[in-house]
């Protein structure tokens, strides 16, 4: 009974995922085609510049996170980034402190 129930659930998840993904993919494709129809040069520049902007924002965000963590560690006397890293891999506060 359990095996057939699990198989039914897996097939339901696959069906639901496909049912949700296919319309979204088709809509995205239609929007991209319409963007090219309206102004191909603006569309190309958008697709070229968007990844560069995303990379620069991620890089800047990472630097801000490192700087704020260092400042918080300096202000409190606790290495907050190190504690957060240890907590993320499964240590408890009792084990760290």
N, C-alpha and C. Protein backbone atom coordinates (compact mmCIF):
# COMPACT_ATOMS: atom_id res chain seq x y z
N UNK A 1 0.83 -1.20 0.00
CA UNK A 1 0.00 0.00 0.00
C UNK A 1 0.86 1.26 0.00
N UNK A 2 1.90 1.25 0.84
CA UNK A 2 2.75 2.44 0.95
C UNK A 2 3.48 2.73 -0.36
N UNK A 3 3.93 1.69 -1.03
CA UNK A 3 4.66 1.87 -2.29
C UNK A 3 3.77 2.52 -3.35
N UNK A 4 2.56 2.05 -3.47
CA UNK A 4 1.66 2.63 -4.48
C UNK A 4 1.27 4.05 -4.10
N UNK A 5 1.11 4.31 -2.81
CA UNK A 5 0.78 5.67 -2.38
C UNK A 5 1.93 6.63 -2.67
N UNK A 6 3.16 6.18 -2.41
CA UNK A 6 4.32 7.01 -2.71
C UNK A 6 4.44 7.26 -4.21
N UNK A 7 4.21 6.24 -5.01
CA UNK A 7 4.27 6.39 -6.46
C UNK A 7 3.20 7.36 -6.94
N UNK A 8 2.03 7.30 -6.36
CA UNK A 8 0.96 8.24 -6.71
C UNK A 8 1.35 9.67 -6.37
N UNK A 9 1.97 9.85 -5.22
CA UNK A 9 2.38 11.20 -4.81
C UNK A 9 3.47 11.75 -5.73
N UNK A 10 4.42 10.90 -6.11
CA UNK A 10 5.48 11.34 -7.01
C UNK A 10 4.90 11.73 -8.36
N UNK A 11 4.00 10.94 -8.88
CA UNK A 11 3.40 11.28 -10.17
C UNK A 11 2.56 12.55 -10.07
N UNK A 12 1.92 12.76 -8.93
CA UNK A 12 1.14 13.98 -8.72
C UNK A 12 2.05 15.21 -8.69
N UNK A 13 3.20 15.09 -8.04
CA UNK A 13 4.14 16.21 -7.98
C UNK A 13 4.68 16.52 -9.37
N UNK A 14 5.02 15.49 -10.13
CA UNK A 14 5.54 15.69 -11.49
C UNK A 14 4.47 16.36 -12.36
N UNK A 15 3.24 15.89 -12.27
CA UNK A 15 2.15 16.46 -13.06
C UNK A 15 1.91 17.91 -12.67
N UNK A 16 1.89 18.19 -11.37
CA UNK A 16 1.62 19.55 -10.89
C UNK A 16 2.75 20.49 -11.30
N UNK A 17 3.99 20.01 -11.21
CA UNK A 17 5.13 20.84 -11.60
C UNK A 17 5.06 21.17 -13.09
N UNK A 18 4.78 20.19 -13.91
CA UNK A 18 4.67 20.42 -15.36
C UNK A 18 3.50 21.35 -15.65
N UNK A 19 2.41 21.17 -14.93
CA UNK A 19 1.22 21.98 -15.14
C UNK A 19 1.49 23.44 -14.78
N UNK A 20 2.33 23.69 -13.80
CA UNK A 20 2.65 25.06 -13.41
C UNK A 20 3.76 25.65 -14.27
N UNK A 21 4.71 24.83 -14.70
CA UNK A 21 5.90 25.33 -15.39
C UNK A 21 5.64 25.65 -16.85
N UNK A 22 4.91 24.83 -17.54
CA UNK A 22 4.71 25.01 -18.99
C UNK A 22 4.04 26.35 -19.32
N UNK A 23 2.95 26.74 -18.65
CA UNK A 23 2.37 28.05 -18.99
C UNK A 23 3.30 29.22 -18.68
N UNK A 24 4.05 29.13 -17.59
CA UNK A 24 4.98 30.20 -17.25
C UNK A 24 6.10 30.31 -18.28
N UNK A 25 6.59 29.18 -18.75
CA UNK A 25 7.63 29.17 -19.75
C UNK A 25 7.12 29.76 -21.07
N UNK A 26 5.93 29.38 -21.46
CA UNK A 26 5.35 29.92 -22.68
C UNK A 26 5.11 31.43 -22.56
N UNK A 27 4.68 31.88 -21.41
CA UNK A 27 4.46 33.31 -21.19
C UNK A 27 5.77 34.08 -21.26
N UNK A 28 6.82 33.53 -20.66
CA UNK A 28 8.14 34.17 -20.73
C UNK A 28 8.63 34.26 -22.17
N UNK A 29 8.46 33.19 -22.92
CA UNK A 29 8.86 33.19 -24.32
C UNK A 29 8.07 34.22 -25.12
N UNK A 30 6.78 34.34 -24.85
CA UNK A 30 5.95 35.33 -25.55
C UNK A 30 6.39 36.75 -25.22
N UNK A 31 6.74 37.00 -23.97
CA UNK A 31 7.19 38.34 -23.58
C UNK A 31 8.52 38.67 -24.26
N UNK A 32 9.43 37.71 -24.32
CA UNK A 32 10.72 37.95 -24.97
C UNK A 32 10.52 38.22 -26.47
N UNK A 33 9.67 37.46 -27.11
CA UNK A 33 9.39 37.69 -28.54
C UNK A 33 8.77 39.08 -28.74
N UNK A 34 7.86 39.47 -27.86
CA UNK A 34 7.23 40.78 -27.96
C UNK A 34 8.25 41.90 -27.72
N UNK A 35 9.18 41.67 -26.80
CA UNK A 35 10.23 42.66 -26.55
C UNK A 35 11.08 42.86 -27.81
N UNK A 36 11.44 41.75 -28.47
CA UNK A 36 12.21 41.85 -29.71
C UNK A 36 11.40 42.56 -30.79
N UNK A 37 10.11 42.32 -30.84
CA UNK A 37 9.23 42.96 -31.81
C UNK A 37 9.18 44.48 -31.59
N UNK A 38 9.10 44.90 -30.32
CA UNK A 38 9.01 46.32 -30.01
C UNK A 38 10.31 47.05 -30.31
N UNK A 39 11.43 46.52 -29.79
CA UNK A 39 12.72 47.18 -30.00
C UNK A 39 13.82 46.16 -29.76
N UNK A 40 14.37 45.63 -30.85
CA UNK A 40 15.35 44.55 -30.72
C UNK A 40 16.64 45.02 -30.06
N UNK A 41 17.06 46.25 -30.34
CA UNK A 41 18.32 46.72 -29.76
C UNK A 41 18.21 46.92 -28.25
N UNK A 42 17.09 47.43 -27.79
CA UNK A 42 16.88 47.58 -26.35
C UNK A 42 16.80 46.22 -25.68
N UNK A 43 16.18 45.26 -26.33
CA UNK A 43 16.08 43.91 -25.78
C UNK A 43 17.46 43.27 -25.66
N UNK A 44 18.27 43.38 -26.69
CA UNK A 44 19.62 42.81 -26.65
C UNK A 44 20.45 43.48 -25.56
N UNK A 45 20.38 44.80 -25.48
CA UNK A 45 21.14 45.49 -24.44
C UNK A 45 20.66 45.12 -23.04
N UNK A 46 19.38 44.88 -22.89
CA UNK A 46 18.84 44.44 -21.60
C UNK A 46 19.40 43.08 -21.22
N UNK A 47 19.43 42.16 -22.17
CA UNK A 47 19.93 40.81 -21.87
C UNK A 47 21.45 40.80 -21.68
N UNK A 48 22.15 41.77 -22.23
CA UNK A 48 23.59 41.86 -22.02
C UNK A 48 23.89 42.53 -20.68
N UNK A 49 23.18 43.60 -20.37
CA UNK A 49 23.48 44.38 -19.16
C UNK A 49 22.91 43.78 -17.89
N UNK A 50 21.79 43.09 -17.96
CA UNK A 50 21.16 42.56 -16.75
C UNK A 50 22.08 41.63 -15.95
N UNK A 51 22.77 40.68 -16.58
CA UNK A 51 23.68 39.84 -15.78
C UNK A 51 24.82 40.64 -15.15
N UNK A 52 25.32 41.65 -15.86
CA UNK A 52 26.38 42.48 -15.30
C UNK A 52 25.89 43.25 -14.07
N UNK A 53 24.69 43.75 -14.14
CA UNK A 53 24.11 44.47 -13.01
C UNK A 53 23.89 43.53 -11.84
N UNK A 54 23.39 42.34 -12.12
CA UNK A 54 23.16 41.36 -11.05
C UNK A 54 24.47 40.98 -10.37
N UNK A 55 25.51 40.74 -11.16
CA UNK A 55 26.81 40.39 -10.58
C UNK A 55 27.38 41.52 -9.73
N UNK A 56 27.25 42.74 -10.20
CA UNK A 56 27.79 43.87 -9.43
C UNK A 56 27.00 44.09 -8.15
N UNK A 57 25.69 43.92 -8.18
CA UNK A 57 24.87 44.06 -6.97
C UNK A 57 25.21 42.96 -5.97
N UNK A 58 25.39 41.72 -6.45
CA UNK A 58 25.77 40.63 -5.56
C UNK A 58 27.14 40.88 -4.93
N UNK A 59 28.06 41.36 -5.71
CA UNK A 59 29.41 41.64 -5.21
C UNK A 59 29.36 42.74 -4.15
N UNK A 60 28.64 43.80 -4.43
CA UNK A 60 28.52 44.89 -3.48
C UNK A 60 27.81 44.43 -2.20
N UNK A 61 26.76 43.64 -2.34
CA UNK A 61 26.05 43.11 -1.18
C UNK A 61 26.93 42.24 -0.32
N UNK A 62 27.77 41.44 -0.96
CA UNK A 62 28.69 40.58 -0.21
C UNK A 62 29.69 41.42 0.58
N UNK A 63 30.20 42.49 -0.05
CA UNK A 63 31.15 43.37 0.64
C UNK A 63 30.49 44.08 1.83
N UNK A 64 29.27 44.51 1.65
CA UNK A 64 28.55 45.16 2.74
C UNK A 64 28.32 44.18 3.88
N UNK A 65 27.96 42.94 3.55
CA UNK A 65 27.75 41.92 4.57
C UNK A 65 29.03 41.65 5.35
N UNK A 66 30.15 41.54 4.65
CA UNK A 66 31.43 41.29 5.32
C UNK A 66 31.80 42.47 6.21
N UNK A 67 31.62 43.68 5.70
CA UNK A 67 31.96 44.87 6.48
C UNK A 67 31.07 45.02 7.71
N UNK A 68 29.77 44.78 7.55
CA UNK A 68 28.87 44.92 8.69
C UNK A 68 29.13 43.82 9.72
N UNK A 69 29.47 42.63 9.27
CA UNK A 69 29.79 41.55 10.20
C UNK A 69 31.07 41.87 10.96
N UNK A 70 32.06 42.40 10.26
CA UNK A 70 33.31 42.78 10.93
C UNK A 70 33.07 43.89 11.93
N UNK A 71 32.24 44.85 11.57
CA UNK A 71 31.93 45.95 12.48
C UNK A 71 31.17 45.46 13.70
N UNK A 72 30.21 44.56 13.47
CA UNK A 72 29.45 44.01 14.60
C UNK A 72 30.36 43.18 15.50
N UNK A 73 31.27 42.42 14.91
CA UNK A 73 32.21 41.62 15.71
C UNK A 73 33.10 42.53 16.54
N UNK A 74 33.53 43.62 15.94
CA UNK A 74 34.39 44.57 16.65
C UNK A 74 33.63 45.26 17.77
N UNK A 75 32.39 45.60 17.51
CA UNK A 75 31.59 46.33 18.51
C UNK A 75 31.18 45.44 19.67
N UNK A 76 30.86 44.18 19.40
CA UNK A 76 30.37 43.30 20.46
C UNK A 76 31.45 42.43 21.07
N UNK A 77 32.54 42.26 20.36
CA UNK A 77 33.60 41.39 20.86
C UNK A 77 33.38 39.92 20.51
N UNK A 78 32.31 39.61 19.80
CA UNK A 78 32.03 38.24 19.38
C UNK A 78 32.25 38.12 17.88
N UNK A 79 32.88 37.05 17.43
CA UNK A 79 33.03 36.84 15.99
C UNK A 79 31.73 36.33 15.38
N UNK A 80 30.84 37.26 15.06
CA UNK A 80 29.48 36.91 14.64
C UNK A 80 29.49 36.07 13.37
N UNK A 81 30.33 36.41 12.41
CA UNK A 81 30.37 35.64 11.16
C UNK A 81 30.81 34.20 11.42
N UNK A 82 31.79 34.02 12.31
CA UNK A 82 32.26 32.67 12.62
C UNK A 82 31.16 31.89 13.34
N UNK A 83 30.48 32.52 14.26
CA UNK A 83 29.40 31.85 14.99
C UNK A 83 28.28 31.47 14.02
N UNK A 84 27.92 32.38 13.12
CA UNK A 84 26.87 32.09 12.14
C UNK A 84 27.26 30.92 11.24
N UNK A 85 28.53 30.87 10.85
CA UNK A 85 29.00 29.77 10.00
C UNK A 85 28.93 28.45 10.75
N UNK A 86 29.34 28.45 12.01
CA UNK A 86 29.28 27.21 12.80
C UNK A 86 27.84 26.77 13.03
N UNK A 87 26.94 27.72 13.27
CA UNK A 87 25.53 27.37 13.44
C UNK A 87 24.95 26.79 12.16
N UNK A 88 25.38 27.32 11.02
CA UNK A 88 24.83 26.85 9.75
C UNK A 88 25.26 25.43 9.42
N UNK A 89 26.37 24.95 9.99
CA UNK A 89 26.79 23.58 9.72
C UNK A 89 26.36 22.60 10.80
N UNK A 90 25.56 23.09 11.77
CA UNK A 90 24.96 22.15 12.70
C UNK A 90 25.40 22.24 14.14
N UNK A 91 26.34 23.10 14.46
CA UNK A 91 26.74 23.26 15.87
C UNK A 91 25.62 23.97 16.63
N UNK A 92 25.54 23.72 17.92
CA UNK A 92 24.59 24.44 18.77
C UNK A 92 25.34 25.55 19.49
N UNK A 93 24.60 26.50 20.06
CA UNK A 93 25.24 27.59 20.78
C UNK A 93 26.02 27.08 21.99
N UNK A 94 25.50 26.05 22.62
CA UNK A 94 26.20 25.48 23.78
C UNK A 94 27.56 24.92 23.38
N UNK A 95 27.65 24.33 22.19
CA UNK A 95 28.92 23.77 21.73
C UNK A 95 29.91 24.86 21.33
N UNK A 96 29.39 25.98 20.85
CA UNK A 96 30.26 27.05 20.36
C UNK A 96 30.81 27.87 21.53
N UNK A 97 29.97 28.20 22.47
CA UNK A 97 30.37 29.11 23.55
C UNK A 97 31.00 28.40 24.71
